Amino acid sequence: MFTHWVLLDLGHVENLYWRKSPVVSKIAAIFPPVVRAMRIHAFHHLYQYRLERSTKPFLARGGKIKRCLYCLVELTHCLCAHQPDIESQVAVLLIVSENEVFKPSNTGRLIADTVKETHVYQWSRTEPNPEMLALLSNPAYYPVLIFPAETEEDKTRVLSPIPTEFAGKKPLLVLIDGSWREAKRIFRKSPYLAPLPLVSVEPERLSQYIMRKSENEQHLATAEVASLVLDMFGDRHSAMTLSLWFEAFKETYLTCKSRNKPSITKPALQRWIAHQQNANCL
C-alpha cells in the first residue's frame, strides 16, 4: 500500500510522491483544482479505476450537482482543505460493494482520509483481488472482521474482550462497505473471511447517519462503525478524529442537499477545525 501526495494549486500540478506514477497524472488531470497538498489514497484510486471503465455516468438524486471528485460534496462547499493528517496504530482493509464506489454519500472514503494505511478493494464473488488475499495472509498483520455477531452461528469466533497485544502484529480491521443487504451477501459469499476472528459493535446510540435510510435503525454508517472499533482497539485519537470528520462531512453533505442552500456557520465543521488546530499544537 502506498500513498500519493498531489499539490493542486490554481491548476498547476506537482507530484510530491517519491515515485513517478501515471495514476497520479490521470487523477490530477480529472479532479478539480484544490489549493493544498491533497493526499490521494486507495479509495481515490478505486474511484478512478471505475471511472475509466464506466460506459455510462452514475445517475442518482443530486446527480446534477457539480461535485469535487475528492470529497464528493458540492464544489462550493469542498472539504478537501480539511482532510485529516494523523498517524494511526492500526491498518484498515475496506471491501467495497460495486454500487458503493460512486455514491457521494459513501462514508468509507472518510476512513481512508483518516487512517493512512487503508487498503481498498472492490468485492468480487468469483474473482477476489489477489493482493487483498495476500494482505489477509500477511504474517505482519492481525486481521479481524468487523461485523454484527448476530449473523454468525459460531459464537466462538467472536473476539471478546479485545486483546491488548497482538503478538507483535499490526491489527488489520476488515470492514465491508455497502448497504446492509450487500454487506450480508458479501459476508456469506466470501469464504476467505470465514477464518477471521470477528469483532462485533453494539452501539449504545442510534446511528447519526441520516443521509440514507437503512432497513434497521440500529445499523451504523461504515465510518461510524470504524470510529467505534478504533476506540475499542485503543486508538482513541484516530477514533475521535474520524468521528468529528464524519460529522463535518455529514453536515456539509446535507447542506448541499438543501434546496435553499442556507448560509450557516457549520458548527460540526468548526469543531473539526478546532480539533485539527489543537492536535497541531500538541
C-alpha atoms as a PDB file:
ATOM      1  CA  MET A   1       0.000   0.000   0.000  1.00  0.00           C
ATOM      2  CA  PHE A   2       1.328   3.426  -0.874  1.00  0.00           C
ATOM      3  CA  THR A   3       0.057   6.965  -0.821  1.00  0.00           C
ATOM      4  CA  HIS A   4       0.425   9.788  -3.295  1.00  0.00           C
ATOM      5  CA  TRP A   5       0.507  13.446  -2.454  1.00  0.00           C
ATOM      6  CA  VAL A   6      -0.572  15.789  -5.220  1.00  0.00           C
ATOM      7  CA  LEU A   7      -0.298  19.550  -4.969  1.00  0.00           C
ATOM      8  CA  LEU A   8      -3.096  21.203  -6.918  1.00  0.00           C
ATOM      9  CA  ASP A   9      -2.603  24.953  -6.877  1.00  0.00           C
ATOM     10  CA  LEU A  10      -4.631  27.019  -9.351  1.00  0.00           C
ATOM     11  CA  GLY A  11      -4.415  24.207 -11.870  1.00  0.00           C
ATOM     12  CA  HIS A  12      -0.648  23.634 -11.636  1.00  0.00           C
ATOM     13  CA  VAL A  13       0.064  20.029 -10.666  1.00  0.00           C
ATOM     14  CA  GLU A  14       3.210  18.854  -8.948  1.00  0.00           C
ATOM     15  CA  ASN A  15       3.811  15.257  -7.938  1.00  0.00           C
ATOM     16  CA  LEU A  16       5.137  15.254  -4.393  1.00  0.00           C
ATOM     17  CA  TYR A  17       5.425  11.485  -4.140  1.00  0.00           C
ATOM     18  CA  TRP A  18       8.847   9.898  -4.287  1.00  0.00           C
ATOM     19  CA  ARG A  19       7.825   7.590  -7.147  1.00  0.00           C
ATOM     20  CA  LYS A  20       6.553   8.797 -10.506  1.00  0.00           C
ATOM     21  CA  SER A  21       3.175   7.303 -11.282  1.00  0.00           C
ATOM     22  CA  PRO A  22       0.877   7.650 -14.312  1.00  0.00           C
ATOM     23  CA  VAL A  23      -2.061   7.115 -11.957  1.00  0.00           C
ATOM     24  CA  VAL A  24      -1.334  10.420 -10.249  1.00  0.00           C
ATOM     25  CA  SER A  25      -1.217  12.273 -13.546  1.00  0.00           C
ATOM     26  CA  LYS A  26      -4.569  10.835 -14.616  1.00  0.00           C
ATOM     27  CA  ILE A  27      -6.235  11.682 -11.319  1.00  0.00           C
ATOM     28  CA  ALA A  28      -4.767  15.181 -11.216  1.00  0.00           C
ATOM     29  CA  ALA A  29      -5.933  15.831 -14.774  1.00  0.00           C
ATOM     30  CA  ILE A  30      -9.519  14.840 -13.991  1.00  0.00           C
ATOM     31  CA  PHE A  31     -10.020  16.146 -10.469  1.00  0.00           C
ATOM     32  CA  PRO A  32     -10.717  19.876  -9.983  1.00  0.00           C
ATOM     33  CA  PRO A  33      -8.046  22.200  -8.525  1.00  0.00           C
ATOM     34  CA  VAL A  34      -7.643  22.412  -4.776  1.00  0.00           C
ATOM     35  CA  VAL A  35      -5.272  24.898  -3.167  1.00  0.00           C
ATOM     36  CA  ARG A  36      -3.440  22.488  -0.852  1.00  0.00           C
ATOM     37  CA  ALA A  37      -1.457  19.279  -0.823  1.00  0.00           C
ATOM     38  CA  MET A  38      -4.064  16.552  -1.231  1.00  0.00           C
ATOM     39  CA  ARG A  39      -3.301  13.018  -0.117  1.00  0.00           C
ATOM     40  CA  ILE A  40      -4.614  10.647  -2.763  1.00  0.00           C
ATOM     41  CA  HIS A  41      -5.494   7.357  -1.100  1.00  0.00           C
ATOM     42  CA  ALA A  42      -6.712   3.910  -2.098  1.00  0.00           C
ATOM     43  CA  PHE A  43     -10.379   4.875  -2.343  1.00  0.00           C
ATOM     44  CA  HIS A  44      -9.492   7.599  -4.873  1.00  0.00           C
ATOM     45  CA  HIS A  45      -7.568   5.011  -6.892  1.00  0.00           C
ATOM     46  CA  LEU A  46     -10.570   2.659  -6.934  1.00  0.00           C
ATOM     47  CA  TYR A  47     -12.878   5.537  -7.898  1.00  0.00           C
ATOM     48  CA  GLN A  48     -10.573   6.464 -10.778  1.00  0.00           C
ATOM     49  CA  TYR A  49     -10.287   2.831 -11.880  1.00  0.00           C
ATOM     50  CA  ARG A  50     -14.070   2.510 -12.053  1.00  0.00           C
ATOM     51  CA  LEU A  51     -14.417   5.903 -13.733  1.00  0.00           C
ATOM     52  CA  GLU A  52     -12.089   4.901 -16.556  1.00  0.00           C
ATOM     53  CA  ARG A  53     -14.106   1.756 -17.201  1.00  0.00           C
ATOM     54  CA  SER A  54     -17.590   3.224 -16.903  1.00  0.00           C
ATOM     55  CA  THR A  55     -19.735   3.156 -20.022  1.00  0.00           C
ATOM     56  CA  LYS A  56     -22.377   5.492 -18.621  1.00  0.00           C
ATOM     57  CA  PRO A  57     -22.500   8.122 -15.861  1.00  0.00           C
ATOM     58  CA  PHE A  58     -23.634   7.304 -12.347  1.00  0.00           C
ATOM     59  CA  LEU A  59     -27.125   8.801 -12.102  1.00  0.00           C
ATOM     60  CA  ALA A  60     -28.817   9.368  -8.768  1.00  0.00           C
ATOM     61  CA  ARG A  61     -30.593  12.086  -6.846  1.00  0.00           C
ATOM     62  CA  GLY A  62     -28.360  15.144  -6.825  1.00  0.00           C
ATOM     63  CA  GLY A  63     -26.643  13.971  -9.996  1.00  0.00           C
ATOM     64  CA  LYS A  64     -26.729  17.466 -11.484  1.00  0.00           C
ATOM     65  CA  ILE A  65     -24.668  18.925  -8.637  1.00  0.00           C
ATOM     66  CA  LYS A  66     -21.114  19.865  -9.597  1.00  0.00           C
ATOM     67  CA  ARG A  67     -19.090  17.906  -7.078  1.00  0.00           C
ATOM     68  CA  CYS A  68     -15.470  17.833  -6.030  1.00  0.00           C
ATOM     69  CA  LEU A  69     -14.205  14.433  -7.141  1.00  0.00           C
ATOM     70  CA  TYR A  70     -12.090  14.087  -3.992  1.00  0.00           C
ATOM     71  CA  CYS A  71     -14.655  14.650  -1.222  1.00  0.00           C
ATOM     72  CA  LEU A  72     -17.750  14.369  -3.476  1.00  0.00           C
ATOM     73  CA  VAL A  73     -19.560  17.334  -1.940  1.00  0.00           C
ATOM     74  CA  GLU A  74     -20.610  20.379  -3.936  1.00  0.00           C
ATOM     75  CA  LEU A  75     -17.590  22.304  -5.225  1.00  0.00           C
ATOM     76  CA  THR A  76     -18.620  25.458  -3.375  1.00  0.00           C
ATOM     77  CA  HIS A  77     -18.504  23.501  -0.091  1.00  0.00           C
ATOM     78  CA  CYS A  78     -15.370  21.425  -0.827  1.00  0.00           C
ATOM     79  CA  LEU A  79     -13.870  19.843   2.303  1.00  0.00           C
ATOM     80  CA  CYS A  80     -10.512  18.829   0.836  1.00  0.00           C
ATOM     81  CA  ALA A  81      -8.613  21.600   2.618  1.00  0.00           C
ATOM     82  CA  HIS A  82      -9.594  19.987   5.926  1.00  0.00           C
ATOM     83  CA  GLN A  83      -8.572  16.384   5.166  1.00  0.00           C
ATOM     84  CA  PRO A  84      -7.165  14.648   8.276  1.00  0.00           C
ATOM     85  CA  ASP A  85      -3.417  14.189   8.573  1.00  0.00           C
ATOM     86  CA  ILE A  86      -2.699  11.908  11.527  1.00  0.00           C
ATOM     87  CA  GLU A  87      -0.863   8.663  12.275  1.00  0.00           C
ATOM     88  CA  SER A  88      -2.867   5.614  13.352  1.00  0.00           C
ATOM     89  CA  GLN A  89      -1.953   2.489  15.292  1.00  0.00           C
ATOM     90  CA  VAL A  90      -3.942   0.131  13.063  1.00  0.00           C
ATOM     91  CA  ALA A  91      -4.464  -0.645   9.385  1.00  0.00           C
ATOM     92  CA  VAL A  92      -7.810  -0.981   7.614  1.00  0.00           C
ATOM     93  CA  LEU A  93      -8.996  -3.204   4.783  1.00  0.00           C
ATOM     94  CA  LEU A  94     -12.147  -1.865   3.162  1.00  0.00           C
ATOM     95  CA  ILE A  95     -14.108  -4.285   0.953  1.00  0.00           C
ATOM     96  CA  VAL A  96     -16.449  -2.133  -1.129  1.00  0.00           C
ATOM     97  CA  SER A  97     -19.576  -3.267  -2.953  1.00  0.00           C
ATOM     98  CA  GLU A  98     -19.851  -2.446  -6.645  1.00  0.00           C
ATOM     99  CA  ASN A  99     -22.690   0.037  -6.109  1.00  0.00           C
ATOM    100  CA  GLU A 100     -20.960   1.912  -3.304  1.00  0.00           C
ATOM    101  CA  VAL A 101     -17.926   3.304  -5.126  1.00  0.00           C
ATOM    102  CA  PHE A 102     -19.668   6.207  -6.881  1.00  0.00           C
ATOM    103  CA  LYS A 103     -22.168   7.153  -4.158  1.00  0.00           C
ATOM    104  CA  PRO A 104     -21.433  10.692  -2.881  1.00  0.00           C
ATOM    105  CA  SER A 105     -22.963   9.709   0.467  1.00  0.00           C
ATOM    106  CA  ASN A 106     -20.375   6.959   0.944  1.00  0.00           C
ATOM    107  CA  THR A 107     -18.506   7.202   4.252  1.00  0.00           C
ATOM    108  CA  GLY A 108     -15.853   4.559   3.640  1.00  0.00           C
ATOM    109  CA  ARG A 109     -13.783   7.276   1.972  1.00  0.00           C
ATOM    110  CA  LEU A 110     -13.690   9.090   5.306  1.00  0.00           C
ATOM    111  CA  ILE A 111     -11.893   6.107   6.834  1.00  0.00           C
ATOM    112  CA  ALA A 112      -9.246   6.273   4.115  1.00  0.00           C
ATOM    113  CA  ASP A 113      -8.996  10.021   4.755  1.00  0.00           C
ATOM    114  CA  THR A 114      -8.237   9.328   8.418  1.00  0.00           C
ATOM    115  CA  VAL A 115      -6.308   6.045   8.587  1.00  0.00           C
ATOM    116  CA  LYS A 116      -3.396   6.399   6.188  1.00  0.00           C
ATOM    117  CA  GLU A 117      -2.837   2.659   5.862  1.00  0.00           C
ATOM    118  CA  THR A 118      -6.231   1.889   4.394  1.00  0.00           C
ATOM    119  CA  HIS A 119      -6.395  -0.747   1.677  1.00  0.00           C
ATOM    120  CA  VAL A 120      -9.481  -0.592  -0.548  1.00  0.00           C
ATOM    121  CA  TYR A 121     -10.729  -3.316  -2.888  1.00  0.00           C
ATOM    122  CA  GLN A 122     -13.968  -3.783  -4.763  1.00  0.00           C
ATOM    123  CA  TRP A 123     -15.695  -7.028  -3.869  1.00  0.00           C
ATOM    124  CA  SER A 124     -15.994  -9.808  -6.422  1.00  0.00           C
ATOM    125  CA  ARG A 125     -17.650 -13.107  -5.592  1.00  0.00           C
ATOM    126  CA  THR A 126     -15.845 -15.113  -8.273  1.00  0.00           C
ATOM    127  CA  GLU A 127     -12.562 -13.207  -8.647  1.00  0.00           C
ATOM    128  CA  PRO A 128     -11.345 -11.792  -5.312  1.00  0.00           C
ATOM    129  CA  ASN A 129      -8.366  -9.498  -5.714  1.00  0.00           C
ATOM    130  CA  PRO A 130      -5.103 -11.466  -5.262  1.00  0.00           C
ATOM    131  CA  GLU A 131      -3.469  -8.513  -3.490  1.00  0.00           C
ATOM    132  CA  MET A 132      -6.317  -8.462  -0.982  1.00  0.00           C
ATOM    133  CA  LEU A 133      -5.960 -12.197  -0.324  1.00  0.00           C
ATOM    134  CA  ALA A 134      -2.207 -11.777   0.128  1.00  0.00           C
ATOM    135  CA  LEU A 135      -2.806  -8.963   2.604  1.00  0.00           C
ATOM    136  CA  LEU A 136      -5.154 -11.130   4.664  1.00  0.00           C
ATOM    137  CA  SER A 137      -2.495 -13.841   4.895  1.00  0.00           C
ATOM    138  CA  ASN A 138       0.417 -11.468   5.521  1.00  0.00           C
ATOM    139  CA  PRO A 139       2.067 -12.527   8.827  1.00  0.00           C
ATOM    140  CA  ALA A 140       2.790  -8.889   9.694  1.00  0.00           C
ATOM    141  CA  TYR A 141      -0.931  -8.245  10.287  1.00  0.00           C
ATOM    142  CA  TYR A 142      -3.594  -9.483  12.682  1.00  0.00           C
ATOM    143  CA  PRO A 143      -6.802  -9.327  10.587  1.00  0.00           C
ATOM    144  CA  VAL A 144     -10.180  -9.122  12.305  1.00  0.00           C
ATOM    145  CA  LEU A 145     -13.541  -8.888  10.580  1.00  0.00           C
ATOM    146  CA  ILE A 146     -15.896  -6.199  11.846  1.00  0.00           C
ATOM    147  CA  PHE A 147     -19.457  -7.484  11.565  1.00  0.00           C
ATOM    148  CA  PRO A 148     -22.533  -7.989  13.789  1.00  0.00           C
ATOM    149  CA  ALA A 149     -22.214 -11.157  15.871  1.00  0.00           C
ATOM    150  CA  GLU A 150     -25.922 -11.877  15.383  1.00  0.00           C
ATOM    151  CA  THR A 151     -25.152 -13.062  11.843  1.00  0.00           C
ATOM    152  CA  GLU A 152     -22.559 -15.637  12.971  1.00  0.00           C
ATOM    153  CA  GLU A 153     -23.643 -19.077  14.207  1.00  0.00           C
ATOM    154  CA  ASP A 154     -20.202 -19.927  15.601  1.00  0.00           C
ATOM    155  CA  LYS A 155     -20.021 -17.627  18.614  1.00  0.00           C
ATOM    156  CA  THR A 156     -16.516 -18.878  19.485  1.00  0.00           C
ATOM    157  CA  ARG A 157     -15.357 -16.853  16.517  1.00  0.00           C
ATOM    158  CA  VAL A 158     -16.336 -13.597  18.244  1.00  0.00           C
ATOM    159  CA  LEU A 159     -13.335 -11.828  19.752  1.00  0.00           C
ATOM    160  CA  SER A 160     -14.293 -10.621  23.222  1.00  0.00           C
ATOM    161  CA  PRO A 161     -12.706  -8.926  25.015  1.00  0.00           C
ATOM    162  CA  ILE A 162     -10.389  -7.220  22.533  1.00  0.00           C
ATOM    163  CA  PRO A 163      -6.756  -8.272  23.150  1.00  0.00           C
ATOM    164  CA  THR A 164      -4.290  -5.588  24.145  1.00  0.00           C
ATOM    165  CA  GLU A 165      -1.382  -7.368  22.459  1.00  0.00           C
ATOM    166  CA  PHE A 166      -1.299  -8.985  19.026  1.00  0.00           C
ATOM    167  CA  ALA A 167       1.985 -10.942  19.126  1.00  0.00           C
ATOM    168  CA  GLY A 168       3.863  -8.071  17.534  1.00  0.00           C
ATOM    169  CA  LYS A 169       1.442  -7.881  14.620  1.00  0.00           C
ATOM    170  CA  LYS A 170      -0.433  -4.812  13.423  1.00  0.00           C
ATOM    171  CA  PRO A 171      -4.230  -5.025  13.756  1.00  0.00           C
ATOM    172  CA  LEU A 172      -5.935  -5.047  10.348  1.00  0.00           C
ATOM    173  CA  LEU A 173      -9.576  -4.030  10.659  1.00  0.00           C
ATOM    174  CA  VAL A 174     -11.602  -5.593   7.844  1.00  0.00           C
ATOM    175  CA  LEU A 175     -14.788  -3.655   7.102  1.00  0.00           C
ATOM    176  CA  ILE A 176     -17.463  -4.288   4.475  1.00  0.00           C
ATOM    177  CA  ASP A 177     -18.650  -1.058   2.848  1.00  0.00           C
ATOM    178  CA  GLY A 178     -22.104  -1.255   1.293  1.00  0.00           C
ATOM    179  CA  SER A 179     -25.795  -1.362   2.085  1.00  0.00           C
ATOM    180  CA  TRP A 180     -26.881  -3.806   4.776  1.00  0.00           C
ATOM    181  CA  ARG A 181     -28.236  -6.183   2.131  1.00  0.00           C
ATOM    182  CA  GLU A 182     -24.969  -6.007   0.183  1.00  0.00           C
ATOM    183  CA  ALA A 183     -22.884  -6.430   3.334  1.00  0.00           C
ATOM    184  CA  LYS A 184     -24.744  -9.588   4.347  1.00  0.00           C
ATOM    185  CA  ARG A 185     -24.220 -11.064   0.884  1.00  0.00           C
ATOM    186  CA  ILE A 186     -20.501 -10.245   0.934  1.00  0.00           C
ATOM    187  CA  PHE A 187     -20.235 -11.790   4.404  1.00  0.00           C
ATOM    188  CA  ARG A 188     -21.917 -15.021   3.254  1.00  0.00           C
ATOM    189  CA  LYS A 189     -20.267 -15.314  -0.164  1.00  0.00           C
ATOM    190  CA  SER A 190     -16.633 -14.642   0.794  1.00  0.00           C
ATOM    191  CA  PRO A 191     -15.021 -17.867   2.080  1.00  0.00           C
ATOM    192  CA  TYR A 192     -11.712 -16.087   2.750  1.00  0.00           C
ATOM    193  CA  LEU A 193     -13.460 -14.096   5.506  1.00  0.00           C
ATOM    194  CA  ALA A 194     -14.697 -17.209   7.320  1.00  0.00           C
ATOM    195  CA  PRO A 195     -11.428 -17.978   9.206  1.00  0.00           C
ATOM    196  CA  LEU A 196     -11.065 -14.449  10.564  1.00  0.00           C
ATOM    197  CA  PRO A 197     -11.895 -13.642  14.183  1.00  0.00           C
ATOM    198  CA  LEU A 198     -14.952 -11.430  14.391  1.00  0.00           C
ATOM    199  CA  VAL A 199     -15.427  -8.201  16.331  1.00  0.00           C
ATOM    200  CA  SER A 200     -18.998  -7.066  16.838  1.00  0.00           C
ATOM    201  CA  VAL A 201     -20.078  -3.496  17.550  1.00  0.00           C
ATOM    202  CA  GLU A 202     -23.068  -2.970  19.804  1.00  0.00           C
ATOM    203  CA  PRO A 203     -23.765   0.784  19.602  1.00  0.00           C
ATOM    204  CA  GLU A 204     -25.203   2.491  22.652  1.00  0.00           C
ATOM    205  CA  ARG A 205     -26.890   5.098  20.473  1.00  0.00           C
ATOM    206  CA  LEU A 206     -28.810   5.113  17.231  1.00  0.00           C
ATOM    207  CA  SER A 207     -26.945   5.938  14.067  1.00  0.00           C
ATOM    208  CA  GLN A 208     -26.386   9.629  13.408  1.00  0.00           C
ATOM    209  CA  TYR A 209     -26.188   8.822   9.704  1.00  0.00           C
ATOM    210  CA  ILE A 210     -29.374  10.389   8.363  1.00  0.00           C
ATOM    211  CA  MET A 211     -28.215  10.838   4.766  1.00  0.00           C
ATOM    212  CA  ARG A 212     -29.577   7.399   3.904  1.00  0.00           C
ATOM    213  CA  LYS A 213     -32.277   5.215   5.392  1.00  0.00           C
ATOM    214  CA  SER A 214     -31.403   1.692   6.493  1.00  0.00           C
ATOM    215  CA  GLU A 215     -33.646  -1.326   6.914  1.00  0.00           C
ATOM    216  CA  ASN A 216     -32.663  -1.334  10.571  1.00  0.00           C
ATOM    217  CA  GLU A 217     -32.305   1.893  12.529  1.00  0.00           C
ATOM    218  CA  GLN A 218     -29.569   0.274  14.622  1.00  0.00           C
ATOM    219  CA  HIS A 219     -27.283  -0.060  11.607  1.00  0.00           C
ATOM    220  CA  LEU A 220     -24.430   2.400  11.551  1.00  0.00           C
ATOM    221  CA  ALA A 221     -22.614   4.085   8.701  1.00  0.00           C
ATOM    222  CA  THR A 222     -19.296   2.449   7.834  1.00  0.00           C
ATOM    223  CA  ALA A 223     -17.365   5.419   9.231  1.00  0.00           C
ATOM    224  CA  GLU A 224     -19.344   5.285  12.489  1.00  0.00           C
ATOM    225  CA  VAL A 225     -18.522   1.597  12.890  1.00  0.00           C
ATOM    226  CA  ALA A 226     -14.851   2.256  12.178  1.00  0.00           C
ATOM    227  CA  SER A 227     -14.732   5.050  14.758  1.00  0.00           C
ATOM    228  CA  LEU A 228     -16.193   2.795  17.454  1.00  0.00           C
ATOM    229  CA  VAL A 229     -13.815  -0.049  16.574  1.00  0.00           C
ATOM    230  CA  LEU A 230     -10.766   2.230  16.556  1.00  0.00           C
ATOM    231  CA  ASP A 231     -11.685   3.203  20.105  1.00  0.00           C
ATOM    232  CA  MET A 232     -12.171  -0.461  21.068  1.00  0.00           C
ATOM    233  CA  PHE A 233      -8.646  -1.178  19.804  1.00  0.00           C
ATOM    234  CA  GLY A 234      -7.180   1.663  21.867  1.00  0.00           C
ATOM    235  CA  ASP A 235      -6.559   4.146  19.031  1.00  0.00           C
ATOM    236  CA  ARG A 236      -8.638   6.877  20.634  1.00  0.00           C
ATOM    237  CA  HIS A 237      -7.102   9.782  18.727  1.00  0.00           C
ATOM    238  CA  SER A 238      -7.965   8.190  15.385  1.00  0.00           C
ATOM    239  CA  ALA A 239     -11.433   7.320  16.686  1.00  0.00           C
ATOM    240  CA  MET A 240     -12.151  10.901  17.726  1.00  0.00           C
ATOM    241  CA  THR A 241     -10.664  12.283  14.516  1.00  0.00           C
ATOM    242  CA  LEU A 242     -12.822  10.029  12.341  1.00  0.00           C
ATOM    243  CA  SER A 243     -15.944  10.767  14.378  1.00  0.00           C
ATOM    244  CA  LEU A 244     -15.515  14.534  14.035  1.00  0.00           C
ATOM    245  CA  TRP A 245     -14.586  14.227  10.349  1.00  0.00           C
ATOM    246  CA  PHE A 246     -17.742  12.171   9.770  1.00  0.00           C
ATOM    247  CA  GLU A 247     -19.878  14.814  11.479  1.00  0.00           C
ATOM    248  CA  ALA A 248     -18.303  17.590   9.383  1.00  0.00           C
ATOM    249  CA  PHE A 249     -18.894  15.617   6.181  1.00  0.00           C
ATOM    250  CA  LYS A 250     -22.480  14.782   7.108  1.00  0.00           C
ATOM    251  CA  GLU A 251     -23.255  18.410   7.929  1.00  0.00           C
ATOM    252  CA  THR A 252     -21.741  19.677   4.668  1.00  0.00           C
ATOM    253  CA  TYR A 253     -23.380  16.963   2.564  1.00  0.00           C
ATOM    254  CA  LEU A 254     -26.833  17.727   3.971  1.00  0.00           C
ATOM    255  CA  THR A 255     -26.266  21.460   3.485  1.00  0.00           C
ATOM    256  CA  CYS A 256     -25.601  20.801  -0.199  1.00  0.00           C
ATOM    257  CA  LYS A 257     -28.811  18.767  -0.466  1.00  0.00           C
ATOM    258  CA  SER A 258     -30.915  21.635   0.867  1.00  0.00           C
ATOM    259  CA  ARG A 259     -32.856  23.437  -1.857  1.00  0.00           C
ATOM    260  CA  ASN A 260     -32.365  26.805  -0.212  1.00  0.00           C
ATOM    261  CA  LYS A 261     -28.622  26.277   0.324  1.00  0.00           C
ATOM    262  CA  PRO A 262     -28.672  28.325   3.553  1.00  0.00           C
ATOM    263  CA  SER A 263     -25.541  30.118   4.656  1.00  0.00           C
ATOM    264  CA  ILE A 264     -24.834  28.536   8.018  1.00  0.00           C
ATOM    265  CA  THR A 265     -21.894  28.592  10.384  1.00  0.00           C
ATOM    266  CA  LYS A 266     -21.414  24.806  10.096  1.00  0.00           C
ATOM    267  CA  PRO A 267     -20.798  24.068  13.789  1.00  0.00           C
ATOM    268  CA  ALA A 268     -19.625  20.496  13.088  1.00  0.00           C
ATOM    269  CA  LEU A 269     -17.028  21.780  10.632  1.00  0.00           C
ATOM    270  CA  GLN A 270     -15.913  24.390  13.156  1.00  0.00           C
ATOM    271  CA  ARG A 271     -15.495  21.661  15.792  1.00  0.00           C
ATOM    272  CA  TRP A 272     -13.429  19.687  13.311  1.00  0.00           C
ATOM    273  CA  ILE A 273     -11.188  22.668  12.520  1.00  0.00           C
ATOM    274  CA  ALA A 274     -10.699  23.301  16.248  1.00  0.00           C
ATOM    275  CA  HIS A 275      -9.772  19.626  16.708  1.00  0.00           C
ATOM    276  CA  GLN A 276      -7.172  19.910  13.934  1.00  0.00           C
ATOM    277  CA  GLN A 277      -5.706  23.070  15.431  1.00  0.00           C
ATOM    278  CA  ASN A 278      -5.499  21.540  18.908  1.00  0.00           C
ATOM    279  CA  ALA A 279      -3.788  18.438  17.516  1.00  0.00           C
ATOM    280  CA  ASN A 280      -1.239  20.586  15.688  1.00  0.00           C
ATOM    281  CA  CYS A 281      -0.407  22.390  18.926  1.00  0.00           C
ATOM    282  CA  LEU A 282       0.478  19.154  20.740  1.00  0.00           C
END
